Amino acid sequence: MFTTFPEGWPALGLLVIRLGVAFGGFEQAADSIARPDPPDALSWSFAALEALVSIALLFGIFTPLASCISALINVRSAAWSLLFSQRDTTVS
């Protein structure tokens, strides 16, 4: 979408940010599949989408679109963990 790319230290910083977000996405995709309960089709589809988005971010393909999708997936995961967490709410 954009044709310019920085050179020097800014390019290295951009590469480090892309690596961090991409590997975080891979970790999140693996975590959603490796849960103790059997993963359903929705978990598999979000894991596949997160892996594809991470690959796109890693290689710089459609970076603005991939980063927006990654942010939406992270918001969904945070909301899911807040809504469906199995924590003990009893007061002793």
N, C-alpha and C. Protein backbone atom coordinates (compact mmCIF):
# COMPACT_ATOMS: atom_id res chain seq x y z
N MET A 1 0.81 -1.18 0.00
CA MET A 1 0.00 0.00 0.00
C MET A 1 0.86 1.26 0.00
N PHE A 2 1.96 1.23 0.77
CA PHE A 2 2.88 2.35 0.79
C PHE A 2 4.18 1.90 0.15
N THR A 3 4.80 2.79 -0.60
CA THR A 3 5.99 2.39 -1.35
C THR A 3 7.29 2.80 -0.68
N THR A 4 7.24 3.61 0.37
CA THR A 4 8.47 4.03 1.01
C THR A 4 8.80 3.13 2.19
N PHE A 5 10.07 2.95 2.42
CA PHE A 5 10.55 2.17 3.55
C PHE A 5 11.76 2.89 4.13
N PRO A 6 11.84 3.04 5.44
CA PRO A 6 12.98 3.78 6.02
C PRO A 6 14.28 3.01 5.84
N GLU A 7 15.37 3.75 6.01
CA GLU A 7 16.70 3.15 5.92
C GLU A 7 17.42 3.35 7.25
N GLY A 8 18.40 2.53 7.50
CA GLY A 8 19.24 2.68 8.68
C GLY A 8 18.57 2.19 9.95
N TRP A 9 18.75 2.96 11.04
CA TRP A 9 18.22 2.57 12.34
C TRP A 9 16.70 2.48 12.37
N PRO A 10 15.98 3.40 11.72
CA PRO A 10 14.52 3.24 11.71
C PRO A 10 14.07 1.94 11.05
N ALA A 11 14.77 1.50 10.03
CA ALA A 11 14.43 0.23 9.38
C ALA A 11 14.66 -0.94 10.33
N LEU A 12 15.73 -0.88 11.10
CA LEU A 12 16.00 -1.94 12.07
C LEU A 12 14.94 -1.95 13.18
N GLY A 13 14.54 -0.78 13.64
CA GLY A 13 13.48 -0.69 14.64
C GLY A 13 12.16 -1.24 14.11
N LEU A 14 11.84 -0.93 12.87
CA LEU A 14 10.62 -1.46 12.26
C LEU A 14 10.68 -2.97 12.14
N LEU A 15 11.83 -3.51 11.81
CA LEU A 15 12.00 -4.95 11.71
C LEU A 15 11.82 -5.62 13.07
N VAL A 16 12.36 -5.02 14.12
CA VAL A 16 12.22 -5.59 15.46
C VAL A 16 10.76 -5.56 15.90
N ILE A 17 10.05 -4.47 15.61
CA ILE A 17 8.63 -4.39 15.95
C ILE A 17 7.84 -5.45 15.20
N ARG A 18 8.11 -5.61 13.92
CA ARG A 18 7.40 -6.63 13.12
C ARG A 18 7.68 -8.03 13.65
N LEU A 19 8.91 -8.31 14.00
CA LEU A 19 9.25 -9.63 14.55
C LEU A 19 8.53 -9.88 15.87
N GLY A 20 8.48 -8.88 16.73
CA GLY A 20 7.81 -9.04 18.01
C GLY A 20 6.32 -9.29 17.87
N VAL A 21 5.67 -8.51 17.02
CA VAL A 21 4.23 -8.69 16.83
C VAL A 21 3.93 -10.01 16.13
N ALA A 22 4.74 -10.37 15.14
CA ALA A 22 4.51 -11.63 14.42
C ALA A 22 4.69 -12.84 15.31
N PHE A 23 5.76 -12.87 16.09
CA PHE A 23 5.97 -14.02 16.97
C PHE A 23 4.96 -14.05 18.11
N GLY A 24 4.50 -12.89 18.55
CA GLY A 24 3.41 -12.85 19.52
C GLY A 24 2.13 -13.43 18.94
N GLY A 25 1.88 -13.15 17.67
CA GLY A 25 0.71 -13.72 17.01
C GLY A 25 0.81 -15.22 16.84
N PHE A 26 2.01 -15.70 16.51
CA PHE A 26 2.20 -17.15 16.40
C PHE A 26 1.98 -17.82 17.75
N GLU A 27 2.47 -17.18 18.82
CA GLU A 27 2.29 -17.74 20.16
C GLU A 27 0.81 -17.76 20.54
N GLN A 28 0.10 -16.70 20.19
CA GLN A 28 -1.33 -16.65 20.51
C GLN A 28 -2.11 -17.70 19.72
N ALA A 29 -1.74 -17.92 18.47
CA ALA A 29 -2.40 -18.94 17.66
C ALA A 29 -2.14 -20.33 18.23
N ALA A 30 -0.90 -20.60 18.64
CA ALA A 30 -0.58 -21.90 19.21
C ALA A 30 -1.28 -22.09 20.55
N ASP A 31 -1.40 -21.02 21.33
CA ASP A 31 -2.05 -21.11 22.63
C ASP A 31 -3.54 -21.40 22.49
N SER A 32 -4.18 -20.83 21.48
CA SER A 32 -5.62 -21.06 21.32
C SER A 32 -5.92 -22.49 20.88
N ILE A 33 -4.97 -23.15 20.26
CA ILE A 33 -5.18 -24.54 19.84
C ILE A 33 -4.78 -25.51 20.95
N ALA A 34 -3.78 -25.16 21.75
CA ALA A 34 -3.23 -26.08 22.74
C ALA A 34 -3.91 -25.98 24.10
N ARG A 35 -5.08 -25.48 24.18
CA ARG A 35 -5.80 -25.39 25.47
C ARG A 35 -6.23 -26.78 25.91
N PRO A 36 -6.52 -26.94 27.21
CA PRO A 36 -6.91 -28.27 27.70
C PRO A 36 -8.23 -28.77 27.12
N ASP A 37 -9.18 -27.87 26.93
CA ASP A 37 -10.44 -28.31 26.32
C ASP A 37 -10.23 -28.48 24.82
N PRO A 38 -10.97 -29.37 24.19
CA PRO A 38 -10.75 -29.58 22.76
C PRO A 38 -11.13 -28.33 21.96
N PRO A 39 -10.25 -27.89 21.08
CA PRO A 39 -10.54 -26.69 20.30
C PRO A 39 -11.67 -26.94 19.30
N ASP A 40 -12.52 -25.96 19.13
CA ASP A 40 -13.62 -26.07 18.19
C ASP A 40 -13.24 -25.38 16.88
N ALA A 41 -14.18 -25.33 15.96
CA ALA A 41 -13.91 -24.74 14.65
C ALA A 41 -13.60 -23.25 14.75
N LEU A 42 -14.23 -22.56 15.69
CA LEU A 42 -13.96 -21.13 15.87
C LEU A 42 -12.53 -20.89 16.35
N SER A 43 -12.06 -21.73 17.26
CA SER A 43 -10.68 -21.60 17.73
C SER A 43 -9.69 -21.86 16.61
N TRP A 44 -9.96 -22.88 15.81
CA TRP A 44 -9.08 -23.19 14.68
C TRP A 44 -9.08 -22.06 13.66
N SER A 45 -10.25 -21.48 13.39
CA SER A 45 -10.30 -20.42 12.39
C SER A 45 -9.58 -19.16 12.87
N PHE A 46 -9.74 -18.81 14.17
CA PHE A 46 -9.02 -17.65 14.69
C PHE A 46 -7.52 -17.92 14.74
N ALA A 47 -7.13 -19.14 15.05
CA ALA A 47 -5.70 -19.48 15.06
C ALA A 47 -5.11 -19.39 13.65
N ALA A 48 -5.85 -19.88 12.66
CA ALA A 48 -5.36 -19.80 11.29
C ALA A 48 -5.28 -18.36 10.81
N LEU A 49 -6.30 -17.56 11.17
CA LEU A 49 -6.28 -16.14 10.80
C LEU A 49 -5.12 -15.42 11.46
N GLU A 50 -4.89 -15.69 12.73
CA GLU A 50 -3.77 -15.05 13.43
C GLU A 50 -2.43 -15.47 12.83
N ALA A 51 -2.30 -16.73 12.44
CA ALA A 51 -1.05 -17.18 11.81
C ALA A 51 -0.84 -16.50 10.45
N LEU A 52 -1.92 -16.37 9.67
CA LEU A 52 -1.80 -15.69 8.37
C LEU A 52 -1.46 -14.21 8.54
N VAL A 53 -2.08 -13.57 9.51
CA VAL A 53 -1.79 -12.17 9.78
C VAL A 53 -0.36 -12.01 10.26
N SER A 54 0.12 -12.93 11.07
CA SER A 54 1.50 -12.86 11.56
C SER A 54 2.49 -13.03 10.41
N ILE A 55 2.19 -13.92 9.49
CA ILE A 55 3.06 -14.08 8.31
C ILE A 55 3.05 -12.81 7.47
N ALA A 56 1.87 -12.21 7.28
CA ALA A 56 1.79 -10.97 6.52
C ALA A 56 2.58 -9.86 7.18
N LEU A 57 2.49 -9.76 8.51
CA LEU A 57 3.26 -8.73 9.22
C LEU A 57 4.75 -9.01 9.17
N LEU A 58 5.12 -10.27 9.26
CA LEU A 58 6.53 -10.64 9.24
C LEU A 58 7.19 -10.25 7.93
N PHE A 59 6.49 -10.46 6.83
CA PHE A 59 7.05 -10.15 5.52
C PHE A 59 6.66 -8.78 5.00
N GLY A 60 5.83 -8.04 5.74
CA GLY A 60 5.47 -6.69 5.34
C GLY A 60 4.44 -6.63 4.23
N ILE A 61 3.60 -7.65 4.14
CA ILE A 61 2.58 -7.70 3.10
C ILE A 61 1.29 -7.11 3.69
N PHE A 62 0.76 -6.07 3.05
CA PHE A 62 -0.46 -5.41 3.52
C PHE A 62 -0.37 -5.08 5.01
N THR A 63 0.71 -4.45 5.40
CA THR A 63 0.97 -4.19 6.82
C THR A 63 -0.14 -3.40 7.51
N PRO A 64 -0.67 -2.33 6.93
CA PRO A 64 -1.74 -1.61 7.65
C PRO A 64 -2.98 -2.47 7.87
N LEU A 65 -3.37 -3.24 6.87
CA LEU A 65 -4.54 -4.10 7.00
C LEU A 65 -4.26 -5.25 7.98
N ALA A 66 -3.10 -5.85 7.89
CA ALA A 66 -2.75 -6.95 8.79
C ALA A 66 -2.65 -6.49 10.23
N SER A 67 -2.13 -5.28 10.47
CA SER A 67 -2.03 -4.80 11.84
C SER A 67 -3.40 -4.48 12.41
N CYS A 68 -4.32 -3.98 11.60
CA CYS A 68 -5.69 -3.75 12.08
C CYS A 68 -6.38 -5.06 12.43
N ILE A 69 -6.22 -6.07 11.60
CA ILE A 69 -6.82 -7.38 11.88
C ILE A 69 -6.19 -7.98 13.14
N SER A 70 -4.89 -7.83 13.30
CA SER A 70 -4.22 -8.35 14.49
C SER A 70 -4.73 -7.64 15.74
N ALA A 71 -4.94 -6.34 15.67
CA ALA A 71 -5.48 -5.61 16.82
C ALA A 71 -6.89 -6.07 17.16
N LEU A 72 -7.72 -6.31 16.15
CA LEU A 72 -9.08 -6.80 16.39
C LEU A 72 -9.07 -8.19 17.01
N ILE A 73 -8.17 -9.05 16.57
CA ILE A 73 -8.06 -10.38 17.15
C ILE A 73 -7.61 -10.29 18.61
N ASN A 74 -6.69 -9.38 18.91
CA ASN A 74 -6.23 -9.22 20.28
C ASN A 74 -7.34 -8.68 21.18
N VAL A 75 -8.16 -7.76 20.66
CA VAL A 75 -9.30 -7.25 21.43
C VAL A 75 -10.30 -8.38 21.68
N ARG A 76 -10.54 -9.20 20.67
CA ARG A 76 -11.45 -10.34 20.82
C ARG A 76 -10.92 -11.31 21.86
N SER A 77 -9.63 -11.58 21.85
CA SER A 77 -9.04 -12.51 22.83
C SER A 77 -9.13 -11.96 24.24
N ALA A 78 -8.89 -10.66 24.39
CA ALA A 78 -8.98 -10.05 25.72
C ALA A 78 -10.42 -10.09 26.23
N ALA A 79 -11.37 -9.78 25.37
CA ALA A 79 -12.77 -9.81 25.77
C ALA A 79 -13.20 -11.22 26.11
N TRP A 80 -12.75 -12.18 25.32
CA TRP A 80 -13.09 -13.60 25.56
C TRP A 80 -12.54 -14.05 26.90
N SER A 81 -11.31 -13.68 27.20
CA SER A 81 -10.72 -14.12 28.47
C SER A 81 -11.39 -13.44 29.66
N LEU A 82 -11.84 -12.20 29.50
CA LEU A 82 -12.54 -11.53 30.59
C LEU A 82 -13.94 -12.09 30.79
N LEU A 83 -14.62 -12.39 29.70
CA LEU A 83 -15.99 -12.87 29.80
C LEU A 83 -16.08 -14.34 30.21
N PHE A 84 -15.17 -15.16 29.72
CA PHE A 84 -15.28 -16.59 29.92
C PHE A 84 -14.16 -17.19 30.76
N SER A 85 -13.54 -16.37 31.60
CA SER A 85 -12.48 -16.92 32.45
C SER A 85 -13.11 -17.76 33.56
N GLN A 86 -12.44 -18.81 33.93
CA GLN A 86 -12.94 -19.73 34.95
C GLN A 86 -12.20 -19.49 36.25
N ARG A 87 -12.40 -18.34 36.82
CA ARG A 87 -11.74 -18.02 38.08
C ARG A 87 -12.69 -18.26 39.23
N ASP A 88 -12.14 -18.48 40.37
CA ASP A 88 -12.93 -18.74 41.56
C ASP A 88 -13.37 -17.42 42.16
N THR A 89 -14.68 -17.18 42.21
CA THR A 89 -15.20 -15.91 42.70
C THR A 89 -15.79 -16.02 44.09
N THR A 90 -15.57 -17.14 44.77
CA THR A 90 -16.10 -17.30 46.12
C THR A 90 -15.25 -16.50 47.10
N VAL A 91 -15.90 -15.93 48.08
CA VAL A 91 -15.20 -15.15 49.10
C VAL A 91 -15.15 -15.98 50.37
N SER A 92 -13.98 -16.09 50.95
CA SER A 92 -13.87 -16.90 52.16
C SER A 92 -13.89 -16.07 53.41
